[in-house]
Amino acid sequence: MSDILTLYKKTLKIRYFEEKIDWLFSRGRLGGTTHLCIGQEAVAVGVDNALSPDDYVVSNHRGHGHLIARGADPARLFAELLGKPEGYCRGRGGTQHLSIAHLNFLGTNGITGGGIPIATGAGLSIKLSGEERISVCFFGDGASNQGTFHESLNMASAWSLPVLYVCENNVYAMSTRFSKVSRLTDVSARASAYGMPSAVVDGMDAVKVSDAARMLAVRIRAGHGPALLEAKTYRYCGHSKSDARAYRSSDEEALWRMRDPVLLLEKQLSGLLSASEIETLRSRAVSEIEDAYQSAMLMREPGVHDAFEGVYADTESYVPQGNL
């Protein structure tokens, strides 16, 4: 009961946070771009449920869900996306370059497959220092065709590094269906080329993701080297805010929505909680996210001083080098 309830609350928090971000972008209240994980929440919460606070996590361009599942404060996350100094990276990282040291979250990444070697390096650091933790990396199916994927898995396997590679296979790499760029049905099949175990899991079911991730994580912690987990999932929104999803049908989208991560968890909770109790949890999650946004809006706006804070801590001792 407690495990499923935790998964459900985190899933709701991610869902409503992402929906709020979508709402803000649609009204021009946020700059830049965004990559929403609506529909993919079960992967983030399921994998995190199998981790310890000491484990490293490396994300990708679609990282809000990974952050919230890890325990990030939605208010400070909103502040970061709003460019405010009280954001996690003082408003400078935005959605693509977010890192939170105290959560051992090593960063989101705007480069396809860019986080895979970072997670592998973290795994090497763990092994060299003899620490009891693992490194976890999230990436999409499109990244599995990048050289960083193959080089990293080969290195991790050869050196038996404690890394869990998590492929969020959401069918499309931007607008390209995975089946058009690979003869393999499953990304996980590539693990055998590097002598590492793998598993395929229903990425819409948080409980199943948690069980599969925990099984592989236990093996990794025991010193048996890396593993690859492929979660079959689906993003409801386009690749980014400018994607109209013309490359896929409404029937396909409707089919995936029938296995919505929120609805699946509510079905699993139906014998434990009443409909009114579930509705109360939904309402609380909506209020929590709205309160977080309002809190972020009240945080101070960046000033001239913030642009230089942390760059040259002792401004009086800085001497221009004369090469500008």
C-alpha atoms as a PDB file:
ATOM      1  CA  MET A   1       0.000   0.000   0.000  1.00  0.00           C
ATOM      2  CA  SER A   2       2.606   2.577   1.094  1.00  0.00           C
ATOM      3  CA  ASP A   3       4.821   1.921  -1.938  1.00  0.00           C
ATOM      4  CA  ILE A   4       1.988   2.282  -4.445  1.00  0.00           C
ATOM      5  CA  LEU A   5       0.694   5.376  -2.672  1.00  0.00           C
ATOM      6  CA  THR A   6       4.145   6.972  -2.846  1.00  0.00           C
ATOM      7  CA  LEU A   7       4.378   6.168  -6.549  1.00  0.00           C
ATOM      8  CA  TYR A   8       0.917   7.638  -7.121  1.00  0.00           C
ATOM      9  CA  LYS A   9       1.611  10.896  -5.278  1.00  0.00           C
ATOM     10  CA  LYS A  10       4.869  11.427  -7.165  1.00  0.00           C
ATOM     11  CA  THR A  11       3.200  10.627 -10.481  1.00  0.00           C
ATOM     12  CA  LEU A  12       0.472  13.185  -9.806  1.00  0.00           C
ATOM     13  CA  LYS A  13       3.056  15.794  -8.804  1.00  0.00           C
ATOM     14  CA  ILE A  14       4.974  15.316 -12.053  1.00  0.00           C
ATOM     15  CA  ARG A  15       1.810  15.280 -14.170  1.00  0.00           C
ATOM     16  CA  TYR A  16       0.444  18.515 -12.751  1.00  0.00           C
ATOM     17  CA  PHE A  17       3.840  20.231 -12.787  1.00  0.00           C
ATOM     18  CA  GLU A  18       4.249  19.431 -16.488  1.00  0.00           C
ATOM     19  CA  GLU A  19       0.700  20.511 -17.272  1.00  0.00           C
ATOM     20  CA  LYS A  20       1.393  23.827 -15.529  1.00  0.00           C
ATOM     21  CA  ILE A  21       4.582  24.273 -17.545  1.00  0.00           C
ATOM     22  CA  ASP A  22       2.629  23.549 -20.733  1.00  0.00           C
ATOM     23  CA  TRP A  23       0.043  26.142 -19.704  1.00  0.00           C
ATOM     24  CA  LEU A  24       2.715  28.755 -19.012  1.00  0.00           C
ATOM     25  CA  PHE A  25       4.465  28.206 -22.357  1.00  0.00           C
ATOM     26  CA  SER A  26       1.194  28.366 -24.272  1.00  0.00           C
ATOM     27  CA  ARG A  27       0.646  31.836 -22.820  1.00  0.00           C
ATOM     28  CA  GLY A  28       4.162  33.112 -23.390  1.00  0.00           C
ATOM     29  CA  ARG A  29       5.030  33.261 -19.693  1.00  0.00           C
ATOM     30  CA  LEU A  30       8.175  31.153 -20.084  1.00  0.00           C
ATOM     31  CA  GLY A  31      10.980  31.719 -22.569  1.00  0.00           C
ATOM     32  CA  GLY A  32      13.012  29.241 -24.572  1.00  0.00           C
ATOM     33  CA  THR A  33      11.609  25.796 -25.197  1.00  0.00           C
ATOM     34  CA  THR A  34      10.451  22.834 -23.159  1.00  0.00           C
ATOM     35  CA  HIS A  35      10.253  19.042 -23.441  1.00  0.00           C
ATOM     36  CA  LEU A  36       7.409  17.597 -21.382  1.00  0.00           C
ATOM     37  CA  CYS A  37       7.261  14.071 -19.991  1.00  0.00           C
ATOM     38  CA  ILE A  38       3.465  13.810 -19.716  1.00  0.00           C
ATOM     39  CA  GLY A  39       2.725  10.114 -20.230  1.00  0.00           C
ATOM     40  CA  GLN A  40       6.200   8.988 -19.172  1.00  0.00           C
ATOM     41  CA  GLU A  41       5.914   9.670 -15.443  1.00  0.00           C
ATOM     42  CA  ALA A  42       5.886   5.986 -14.467  1.00  0.00           C
ATOM     43  CA  VAL A  43       9.478   5.523 -15.631  1.00  0.00           C
ATOM     44  CA  ALA A  44      10.808   8.339 -13.474  1.00  0.00           C
ATOM     45  CA  VAL A  45       8.955   7.399 -10.296  1.00  0.00           C
ATOM     46  CA  GLY A  46       9.404   3.657 -10.793  1.00  0.00           C
ATOM     47  CA  VAL A  47      13.168   3.812 -11.254  1.00  0.00           C
ATOM     48  CA  ASP A  48      13.659   6.307  -8.428  1.00  0.00           C
ATOM     49  CA  ASN A  49      11.710   4.004  -6.116  1.00  0.00           C
ATOM     50  CA  ALA A  50      14.458   1.410  -6.602  1.00  0.00           C
ATOM     51  CA  LEU A  51      17.288   3.841  -5.783  1.00  0.00           C
ATOM     52  CA  SER A  52      18.906   5.116  -2.616  1.00  0.00           C
ATOM     53  CA  PRO A  53      19.497   8.831  -1.903  1.00  0.00           C
ATOM     54  CA  ASP A  54      23.239   8.245  -2.414  1.00  0.00           C
ATOM     55  CA  ASP A  55      22.874   7.007  -5.995  1.00  0.00           C
ATOM     56  CA  TYR A  56      23.798   9.322  -8.861  1.00  0.00           C
ATOM     57  CA  VAL A  57      21.167  10.201 -11.473  1.00  0.00           C
ATOM     58  CA  VAL A  58      21.880  11.638 -14.913  1.00  0.00           C
ATOM     59  CA  SER A  59      18.970  12.895 -17.003  1.00  0.00           C
ATOM     60  CA  ASN A  60      18.321  14.059 -20.559  1.00  0.00           C
ATOM     61  CA  HIS A  61      16.453  16.919 -22.237  1.00  0.00           C
ATOM     62  CA  ARG A  62      13.128  15.687 -20.808  1.00  0.00           C
ATOM     63  CA  GLY A  63      14.158  15.838 -17.176  1.00  0.00           C
ATOM     64  CA  HIS A  64      11.540  17.588 -15.029  1.00  0.00           C
ATOM     65  CA  GLY A  65       9.982  14.267 -14.062  1.00  0.00           C
ATOM     66  CA  HIS A  66      13.320  12.750 -13.075  1.00  0.00           C
ATOM     67  CA  LEU A  67      14.017  15.763 -10.871  1.00  0.00           C
ATOM     68  CA  ILE A  68      10.670  15.730  -9.085  1.00  0.00           C
ATOM     69  CA  ALA A  69      10.805  11.965  -8.607  1.00  0.00           C
ATOM     70  CA  ARG A  70      14.234  12.491  -7.042  1.00  0.00           C
ATOM     71  CA  GLY A  71      12.779  14.935  -4.534  1.00  0.00           C
ATOM     72  CA  ALA A  72      13.248  18.359  -6.117  1.00  0.00           C
ATOM     73  CA  ASP A  73      11.162  21.217  -4.740  1.00  0.00           C
ATOM     74  CA  PRO A  74       8.653  22.282  -7.437  1.00  0.00           C
ATOM     75  CA  ALA A  75       8.837  25.906  -6.256  1.00  0.00           C
ATOM     76  CA  ARG A  76      12.591  26.120  -6.811  1.00  0.00           C
ATOM     77  CA  LEU A  77      12.184  24.272 -10.096  1.00  0.00           C
ATOM     78  CA  PHE A  78       9.604  26.800 -11.249  1.00  0.00           C
ATOM     79  CA  ALA A  79      11.979  29.566 -10.116  1.00  0.00           C
ATOM     80  CA  GLU A  80      14.778  28.081 -12.204  1.00  0.00           C
ATOM     81  CA  LEU A  81      12.619  27.957 -15.324  1.00  0.00           C
ATOM     82  CA  LEU A  82      11.526  31.526 -14.654  1.00  0.00           C
ATOM     83  CA  GLY A  83      15.185  32.590 -14.532  1.00  0.00           C
ATOM     84  CA  LYS A  84      15.100  33.606 -10.875  1.00  0.00           C
ATOM     85  CA  PRO A  85      18.140  33.593  -8.555  1.00  0.00           C
ATOM     86  CA  GLU A  86      16.394  31.285  -6.073  1.00  0.00           C
ATOM     87  CA  GLY A  87      16.180  28.551  -8.693  1.00  0.00           C
ATOM     88  CA  TYR A  88      18.376  25.494  -8.319  1.00  0.00           C
ATOM     89  CA  CYS A  89      21.034  26.909 -10.658  1.00  0.00           C
ATOM     90  CA  ARG A  90      20.316  30.575  -9.871  1.00  0.00           C
ATOM     91  CA  GLY A  91      18.076  30.749 -12.909  1.00  0.00           C
ATOM     92  CA  ARG A  92      20.971  30.166 -15.311  1.00  0.00           C
ATOM     93  CA  GLY A  93      20.498  26.472 -16.098  1.00  0.00           C
ATOM     94  CA  GLY A  94      16.923  26.524 -17.279  1.00  0.00           C
ATOM     95  CA  THR A  95      15.315  23.268 -18.315  1.00  0.00           C
ATOM     96  CA  GLN A  96      18.302  21.885 -20.239  1.00  0.00           C
ATOM     97  CA  HIS A  97      21.139  22.413 -17.764  1.00  0.00           C
ATOM     98  CA  LEU A  98      19.772  21.616 -14.327  1.00  0.00           C
ATOM     99  CA  SER A  99      21.838  19.947 -11.647  1.00  0.00           C
ATOM    100  CA  ILE A 100      21.195  19.531  -7.924  1.00  0.00           C
ATOM    101  CA  ALA A 101      24.219  18.443  -5.900  1.00  0.00           C
ATOM    102  CA  HIS A 102      22.468  17.524  -2.648  1.00  0.00           C
ATOM    103  CA  LEU A 103      20.148  15.158  -4.537  1.00  0.00           C
ATOM    104  CA  ASN A 104      23.116  13.608  -6.405  1.00  0.00           C
ATOM    105  CA  PHE A 105      21.402  14.709  -9.589  1.00  0.00           C
ATOM    106  CA  LEU A 106      24.215  15.268 -12.071  1.00  0.00           C
ATOM    107  CA  GLY A 107      22.189  17.163 -14.617  1.00  0.00           C
ATOM    108  CA  THR A 108      19.751  17.355 -17.463  1.00  0.00           C
ATOM    109  CA  ASN A 109      21.329  17.536 -20.913  1.00  0.00           C
ATOM    110  CA  GLY A 110      20.323  19.161 -24.176  1.00  0.00           C
ATOM    111  CA  ILE A 111      22.477  16.864 -26.313  1.00  0.00           C
ATOM    112  CA  THR A 112      20.989  13.577 -27.476  1.00  0.00           C
ATOM    113  CA  GLY A 113      22.914  10.870 -25.633  1.00  0.00           C
ATOM    114  CA  GLY A 114      25.038  13.508 -23.904  1.00  0.00           C
ATOM    115  CA  GLY A 115      24.346  12.227 -20.414  1.00  0.00           C
ATOM    116  CA  ILE A 116      25.294   8.600 -21.101  1.00  0.00           C
ATOM    117  CA  PRO A 117      29.085   9.066 -20.859  1.00  0.00           C
ATOM    118  CA  ILE A 118      28.607  11.309 -17.809  1.00  0.00           C
ATOM    119  CA  ALA A 119      26.780   8.511 -16.002  1.00  0.00           C
ATOM    120  CA  THR A 120      29.478   6.086 -17.101  1.00  0.00           C
ATOM    121  CA  GLY A 121      32.169   8.380 -15.705  1.00  0.00           C
ATOM    122  CA  ALA A 122      30.241   8.599 -12.451  1.00  0.00           C
ATOM    123  CA  GLY A 123      30.195   4.799 -12.392  1.00  0.00           C
ATOM    124  CA  LEU A 124      33.979   4.732 -12.818  1.00  0.00           C
ATOM    125  CA  SER A 125      34.347   7.227  -9.973  1.00  0.00           C
ATOM    126  CA  ILE A 126      32.216   4.997  -7.739  1.00  0.00           C
ATOM    127  CA  LYS A 127      34.298   1.934  -8.519  1.00  0.00           C
ATOM    128  CA  LEU A 128      37.642   3.678  -8.008  1.00  0.00           C
ATOM    129  CA  SER A 129      36.545   5.131  -4.673  1.00  0.00           C
ATOM    130  CA  GLY A 130      34.937   1.900  -3.468  1.00  0.00           C
ATOM    131  CA  GLU A 131      31.641   3.611  -2.684  1.00  0.00           C
ATOM    132  CA  GLU A 132      28.395   1.719  -2.170  1.00  0.00           C
ATOM    133  CA  ARG A 133      26.206   3.473  -4.702  1.00  0.00           C
ATOM    134  CA  ILE A 134      25.254   3.154  -8.355  1.00  0.00           C
ATOM    135  CA  SER A 135      24.939   5.554 -11.264  1.00  0.00           C
ATOM    136  CA  VAL A 136      21.674   5.726 -13.214  1.00  0.00           C
ATOM    137  CA  CYS A 137      21.230   7.263 -16.639  1.00  0.00           C
ATOM    138  CA  PHE A 138      17.993   8.138 -18.469  1.00  0.00           C
ATOM    139  CA  PHE A 139      17.938   8.485 -22.256  1.00  0.00           C
ATOM    140  CA  GLY A 140      15.548   7.988 -25.162  1.00  0.00           C
ATOM    141  CA  ASP A 141      15.406   5.445 -27.966  1.00  0.00           C
ATOM    142  CA  GLY A 142      16.969   7.962 -30.350  1.00  0.00           C
ATOM    143  CA  ALA A 143      20.070   8.167 -28.149  1.00  0.00           C
ATOM    144  CA  SER A 144      20.635   4.427 -28.536  1.00  0.00           C
ATOM    145  CA  ASN A 145      21.837   5.124 -32.084  1.00  0.00           C
ATOM    146  CA  GLN A 146      24.467   7.578 -30.887  1.00  0.00           C
ATOM    147  CA  GLY A 147      28.116   6.645 -30.527  1.00  0.00           C
ATOM    148  CA  THR A 148      28.021   7.732 -26.883  1.00  0.00           C
ATOM    149  CA  PHE A 149      25.628   4.873 -26.160  1.00  0.00           C
ATOM    150  CA  HIS A 150      27.786   2.148 -27.675  1.00  0.00           C
ATOM    151  CA  GLU A 151      31.102   3.467 -26.384  1.00  0.00           C
ATOM    152  CA  SER A 152      29.735   3.935 -22.875  1.00  0.00           C
ATOM    153  CA  LEU A 153      28.110   0.511 -22.628  1.00  0.00           C
ATOM    154  CA  ASN A 154      31.249  -1.126 -23.933  1.00  0.00           C
ATOM    155  CA  MET A 155      33.438   0.691 -21.398  1.00  0.00           C
ATOM    156  CA  ALA A 156      31.039   0.013 -18.522  1.00  0.00           C
ATOM    157  CA  SER A 157      30.912  -3.665 -19.394  1.00  0.00           C
ATOM    158  CA  ALA A 158      34.664  -4.049 -19.894  1.00  0.00           C
ATOM    159  CA  TRP A 159      35.386  -2.395 -16.535  1.00  0.00           C
ATOM    160  CA  SER A 160      32.321  -3.814 -14.726  1.00  0.00           C
ATOM    161  CA  LEU A 161      31.047  -0.389 -13.688  1.00  0.00           C
ATOM    162  CA  PRO A 162      28.001   0.043 -11.401  1.00  0.00           C
ATOM    163  CA  VAL A 163      25.740   1.749 -13.936  1.00  0.00           C
ATOM    164  CA  LEU A 164      22.046   1.227 -14.687  1.00  0.00           C
ATOM    165  CA  TYR A 165      21.208   2.465 -18.182  1.00  0.00           C
ATOM    166  CA  VAL A 166      17.505   3.296 -18.530  1.00  0.00           C
ATOM    167  CA  CYS A 167      16.108   3.719 -22.035  1.00  0.00           C
ATOM    168  CA  GLU A 168      12.762   5.508 -22.095  1.00  0.00           C
ATOM    169  CA  ASN A 169      11.572   4.140 -25.422  1.00  0.00           C
ATOM    170  CA  ASN A 170       8.691   6.471 -26.250  1.00  0.00           C
ATOM    171  CA  VAL A 171       8.495   5.218 -29.874  1.00  0.00           C
ATOM    172  CA  TYR A 172       9.743   8.438 -31.490  1.00  0.00           C
ATOM    173  CA  ALA A 173      13.069  10.253 -31.650  1.00  0.00           C
ATOM    174  CA  MET A 174      11.585  13.678 -32.285  1.00  0.00           C
ATOM    175  CA  SER A 175       9.376  12.682 -35.254  1.00  0.00           C
ATOM    176  CA  THR A 176      11.244   9.538 -36.338  1.00  0.00           C
ATOM    177  CA  ARG A 177       9.710   6.206 -35.375  1.00  0.00           C
ATOM    178  CA  PHE A 178      12.292   3.849 -33.862  1.00  0.00           C
ATOM    179  CA  SER A 179      11.319   1.054 -36.261  1.00  0.00           C
ATOM    180  CA  LYS A 180      12.504   3.207 -39.187  1.00  0.00           C
ATOM    181  CA  VAL A 181      16.052   3.466 -37.892  1.00  0.00           C
ATOM    182  CA  SER A 182      16.599   0.060 -36.345  1.00  0.00           C
ATOM    183  CA  ARG A 183      16.011  -3.537 -37.430  1.00  0.00           C
ATOM    184  CA  LEU A 184      15.708  -4.442 -33.751  1.00  0.00           C
ATOM    185  CA  THR A 185      12.358  -4.234 -32.022  1.00  0.00           C
ATOM    186  CA  ASP A 186      13.915  -3.684 -28.605  1.00  0.00           C
ATOM    187  CA  VAL A 187      16.771  -1.387 -27.632  1.00  0.00           C
ATOM    188  CA  SER A 188      17.487  -3.835 -24.815  1.00  0.00           C
ATOM    189  CA  ALA A 189      18.651  -6.439 -27.339  1.00  0.00           C
ATOM    190  CA  ARG A 190      21.796  -4.364 -27.847  1.00  0.00           C
ATOM    191  CA  ALA A 191      22.942  -5.135 -24.307  1.00  0.00           C
ATOM    192  CA  SER A 192      23.952  -8.665 -25.287  1.00  0.00           C
ATOM    193  CA  ALA A 193      26.619  -7.258 -27.605  1.00  0.00           C
ATOM    194  CA  TYR A 194      28.348  -5.886 -24.519  1.00  0.00           C
ATOM    195  CA  GLY A 195      27.787  -8.896 -22.296  1.00  0.00           C
ATOM    196  CA  MET A 196      25.421  -7.186 -19.917  1.00  0.00           C
ATOM    197  CA  PRO A 197      21.944  -8.221 -18.733  1.00  0.00           C
ATOM    198  CA  SER A 198      18.845  -6.335 -19.794  1.00  0.00           C
ATOM    199  CA  ALA A 199      15.111  -6.218 -19.189  1.00  0.00           C
ATOM    200  CA  VAL A 200      12.076  -4.831 -21.006  1.00  0.00           C
ATOM    201  CA  VAL A 201       9.239  -3.435 -18.918  1.00  0.00           C
ATOM    202  CA  ASP A 202       5.856  -1.781 -19.402  1.00  0.00           C
ATOM    203  CA  GLY A 203       6.884   1.834 -18.958  1.00  0.00           C
ATOM    204  CA  MET A 204       3.323   2.960 -18.272  1.00  0.00           C
ATOM    205  CA  ASP A 205       3.117   0.886 -15.088  1.00  0.00           C
ATOM    206  CA  ALA A 206       5.116   2.436 -12.230  1.00  0.00           C
ATOM    207  CA  VAL A 207       4.948  -0.696 -10.088  1.00  0.00           C
ATOM    208  CA  LYS A 208       6.361  -2.893 -12.852  1.00  0.00           C
ATOM    209  CA  VAL A 209       9.090  -0.355 -13.589  1.00  0.00           C
ATOM    210  CA  SER A 210      10.023  -0.237  -9.909  1.00  0.00           C
ATOM    211  CA  ASP A 211      10.234  -4.026  -9.671  1.00  0.00           C
ATOM    212  CA  ALA A 212      12.358  -4.336 -12.823  1.00  0.00           C
ATOM    213  CA  ALA A 213      14.686  -1.497 -11.809  1.00  0.00           C
ATOM    214  CA  ARG A 214      15.145  -2.929  -8.325  1.00  0.00           C
ATOM    215  CA  MET A 215      15.994  -6.380  -9.716  1.00  0.00           C
ATOM    216  CA  LEU A 216      18.753  -4.944 -11.904  1.00  0.00           C
ATOM    217  CA  ALA A 217      19.955  -2.496  -9.233  1.00  0.00           C
ATOM    218  CA  VAL A 218      20.420  -5.313  -6.706  1.00  0.00           C
ATOM    219  CA  ARG A 219      22.587  -7.155  -9.206  1.00  0.00           C
ATOM    220  CA  ILE A 220      24.650  -4.043  -9.916  1.00  0.00           C
ATOM    221  CA  ARG A 221      25.148  -3.302  -6.203  1.00  0.00           C
ATOM    222  CA  ALA A 222      26.413  -6.847  -5.752  1.00  0.00           C
ATOM    223  CA  GLY A 223      29.323  -6.007  -8.065  1.00  0.00           C
ATOM    224  CA  HIS A 224      28.150  -7.786 -11.211  1.00  0.00           C
ATOM    225  CA  GLY A 225      28.560  -4.799 -13.521  1.00  0.00           C
ATOM    226  CA  PRO A 226      26.151  -2.664 -15.554  1.00  0.00           C
ATOM    227  CA  ALA A 227      22.677  -3.452 -16.871  1.00  0.00           C
ATOM    228  CA  LEU A 228      20.212  -1.977 -19.377  1.00  0.00           C
ATOM    229  CA  LEU A 229      16.530  -1.417 -18.640  1.00  0.00           C
ATOM    230  CA  GLU A 230      14.182  -0.544 -21.508  1.00  0.00           C
ATOM    231  CA  ALA A 231      10.843   0.975 -20.535  1.00  0.00           C
ATOM    232  CA  LYS A 232       8.212   0.996 -23.279  1.00  0.00           C
ATOM    233  CA  THR A 233       6.428   4.307 -22.795  1.00  0.00           C
ATOM    234  CA  TYR A 234       4.824   7.179 -24.711  1.00  0.00           C
ATOM    235  CA  ARG A 235       4.883  10.952 -24.563  1.00  0.00           C
ATOM    236  CA  TYR A 236       1.462  12.516 -25.030  1.00  0.00           C
ATOM    237  CA  CYS A 237       2.855  15.871 -26.103  1.00  0.00           C
ATOM    238  CA  GLY A 238       5.114  16.596 -29.039  1.00  0.00           C
ATOM    239  CA  HIS A 239       8.886  16.481 -28.846  1.00  0.00           C
ATOM    240  CA  SER A 240       8.920  20.139 -27.835  1.00  0.00           C
ATOM    241  CA  LYS A 241       6.427  22.988 -27.656  1.00  0.00           C
ATOM    242  CA  SER A 242       6.548  23.608 -31.441  1.00  0.00           C
ATOM    243  CA  ASP A 243       5.772  19.987 -32.380  1.00  0.00           C
ATOM    244  CA  ALA A 244       2.231  19.537 -33.768  1.00  0.00           C
ATOM    245  CA  ARG A 245       2.593  15.701 -33.823  1.00  0.00           C
ATOM    246  CA  ALA A 246       1.578  15.447 -37.487  1.00  0.00           C
ATOM    247  CA  TYR A 247       3.640  12.265 -37.815  1.00  0.00           C
ATOM    248  CA  ARG A 248       1.299  10.146 -35.669  1.00  0.00           C
ATOM    249  CA  SER A 249      -2.404   9.436 -35.569  1.00  0.00           C
ATOM    250  CA  SER A 250      -5.014  10.339 -32.978  1.00  0.00           C
ATOM    251  CA  ASP A 251      -5.954   6.630 -32.821  1.00  0.00           C
ATOM    252  CA  GLU A 252      -2.403   5.765 -31.766  1.00  0.00           C
ATOM    253  CA  GLU A 253      -2.447   8.434 -29.083  1.00  0.00           C
ATOM    254  CA  ALA A 254      -5.839   7.273 -27.792  1.00  0.00           C
ATOM    255  CA  LEU A 255      -4.592   3.689 -27.559  1.00  0.00           C
ATOM    256  CA  TRP A 256      -1.649   4.709 -25.369  1.00  0.00           C
ATOM    257  CA  ARG A 257      -3.827   6.965 -23.199  1.00  0.00           C
ATOM    258  CA  MET A 258      -5.879   3.926 -22.255  1.00  0.00           C
ATOM    259  CA  ARG A 259      -2.819   2.828 -20.271  1.00  0.00           C
ATOM    260  CA  ASP A 260      -2.197   6.188 -18.655  1.00  0.00           C
ATOM    261  CA  PRO A 261       0.263   5.897 -15.712  1.00  0.00           C
ATOM    262  CA  VAL A 262      -2.094   7.811 -13.406  1.00  0.00           C
ATOM    263  CA  LEU A 263      -5.103   5.646 -14.287  1.00  0.00           C
ATOM    264  CA  LEU A 264      -3.124   2.411 -13.894  1.00  0.00           C
ATOM    265  CA  LEU A 265      -2.026   3.408 -10.398  1.00  0.00           C
ATOM    266  CA  GLU A 266      -5.572   4.430  -9.495  1.00  0.00           C
ATOM    267  CA  LYS A 267      -6.781   1.010 -10.602  1.00  0.00           C
ATOM    268  CA  GLN A 268      -4.155  -0.604  -8.369  1.00  0.00           C
ATOM    269  CA  LEU A 269      -5.291   1.614  -5.487  1.00  0.00           C
ATOM    270  CA  SER A 270      -9.012   1.051  -6.071  1.00  0.00           C
ATOM    271  CA  GLY A 271      -9.250  -1.746  -3.497  1.00  0.00           C
ATOM    272  CA  LEU A 272      -7.307   0.273  -0.937  1.00  0.00           C
ATOM    273  CA  LEU A 273      -8.729   3.783  -1.320  1.00  0.00           C
ATOM    274  CA  SER A 274     -12.212   5.053  -2.104  1.00  0.00           C
ATOM    275  CA  ALA A 275     -12.983   7.192  -5.149  1.00  0.00           C
ATOM    276  CA  SER A 276     -13.355  10.245  -2.925  1.00  0.00           C
ATOM    277  CA  GLU A 277      -9.971   9.620  -1.287  1.00  0.00           C
ATOM    278  CA  ILE A 278      -8.325   9.356  -4.703  1.00  0.00           C
ATOM    279  CA  GLU A 279     -10.026  12.569  -5.791  1.00  0.00           C
ATOM    280  CA  THR A 280      -8.750  14.260  -2.637  1.00  0.00           C
ATOM    281  CA  LEU A 281      -5.182  13.218  -3.490  1.00  0.00           C
ATOM    282  CA  ARG A 282      -5.607  14.656  -6.986  1.00  0.00           C
ATOM    283  CA  SER A 283      -6.916  17.952  -5.609  1.00  0.00           C
ATOM    284  CA  ARG A 284      -4.045  18.188  -3.120  1.00  0.00           C
ATOM    285  CA  ALA A 285      -1.503  17.599  -5.877  1.00  0.00           C
ATOM    286  CA  VAL A 286      -3.048  20.343  -8.018  1.00  0.00           C
ATOM    287  CA  SER A 287      -2.982  22.745  -5.065  1.00  0.00           C
ATOM    288  CA  GLU A 288       0.612  21.824  -4.212  1.00  0.00           C
ATOM    289  CA  ILE A 289       1.805  22.623  -7.726  1.00  0.00           C
ATOM    290  CA  GLU A 290      -0.199  25.841  -7.923  1.00  0.00           C
ATOM    291  CA  ASP A 291       1.146  26.951  -4.535  1.00  0.00           C
ATOM    292  CA  ALA A 292       4.675  26.151  -5.698  1.00  0.00           C
ATOM    293  CA  TYR A 293       4.190  28.281  -8.807  1.00  0.00           C
ATOM    294  CA  GLN A 294       2.779  31.199  -6.809  1.00  0.00           C
ATOM    295  CA  SER A 295       5.718  30.932  -4.390  1.00  0.00           C
ATOM    296  CA  ALA A 296       8.146  31.061  -7.295  1.00  0.00           C
ATOM    297  CA  MET A 297       6.403  34.126  -8.709  1.00  0.00           C
ATOM    298  CA  LEU A 298       6.933  35.920  -5.391  1.00  0.00           C
ATOM    299  CA  MET A 299      10.674  35.218  -5.429  1.00  0.00           C
ATOM    300  CA  ARG A 300      12.858  38.160  -6.373  1.00  0.00           C
ATOM    301  CA  GLU A 301      13.702  38.909  -9.972  1.00  0.00           C
ATOM    302  CA  PRO A 302      17.350  38.745 -11.105  1.00  0.00           C
ATOM    303  CA  GLY A 303      19.376  41.920 -10.887  1.00  0.00           C
ATOM    304  CA  VAL A 304      22.695  43.112 -12.310  1.00  0.00           C
ATOM    305  CA  HIS A 305      24.559  41.676  -9.314  1.00  0.00           C
ATOM    306  CA  ASP A 306      23.163  38.179  -9.971  1.00  0.00           C
ATOM    307  CA  ALA A 307      24.745  38.074 -13.412  1.00  0.00           C
ATOM    308  CA  PHE A 308      28.221  38.096 -11.850  1.00  0.00           C
ATOM    309  CA  GLU A 309      27.608  36.427  -8.492  1.00  0.00           C
ATOM    310  CA  GLY A 310      29.649  33.280  -8.185  1.00  0.00           C
ATOM    311  CA  VAL A 311      31.741  34.073 -11.273  1.00  0.00           C
ATOM    312  CA  TYR A 312      34.207  36.389  -9.550  1.00  0.00           C
ATOM    313  CA  ALA A 313      33.505  36.060  -5.831  1.00  0.00           C
ATOM    314  CA  ASP A 314      36.170  38.676  -4.983  1.00  0.00           C
ATOM    315  CA  THR A 315      35.424  41.399  -7.537  1.00  0.00           C
ATOM    316  CA  GLU A 316      38.029  43.837  -6.155  1.00  0.00           C
ATOM    317  CA  SER A 317      40.868  41.374  -6.749  1.00  0.00           C
ATOM    318  CA  TYR A 318      39.875  40.642 -10.325  1.00  0.00           C
ATOM    319  CA  VAL A 319      42.320  42.141 -12.815  1.00  0.00           C
ATOM    320  CA  PRO A 320      41.321  42.252 -16.510  1.00  0.00           C
ATOM    321  CA  GLN A 321      43.762  40.309 -18.685  1.00  0.00           C
ATOM    322  CA  GLY A 322      43.762  42.863 -21.482  1.00  0.00           C
ATOM    323  CA  ASN A 323      42.760  40.374 -24.163  1.00  0.00           C
ATOM    324  CA  LEU A 324      39.160  41.516 -24.682  1.00  0.00           C
END
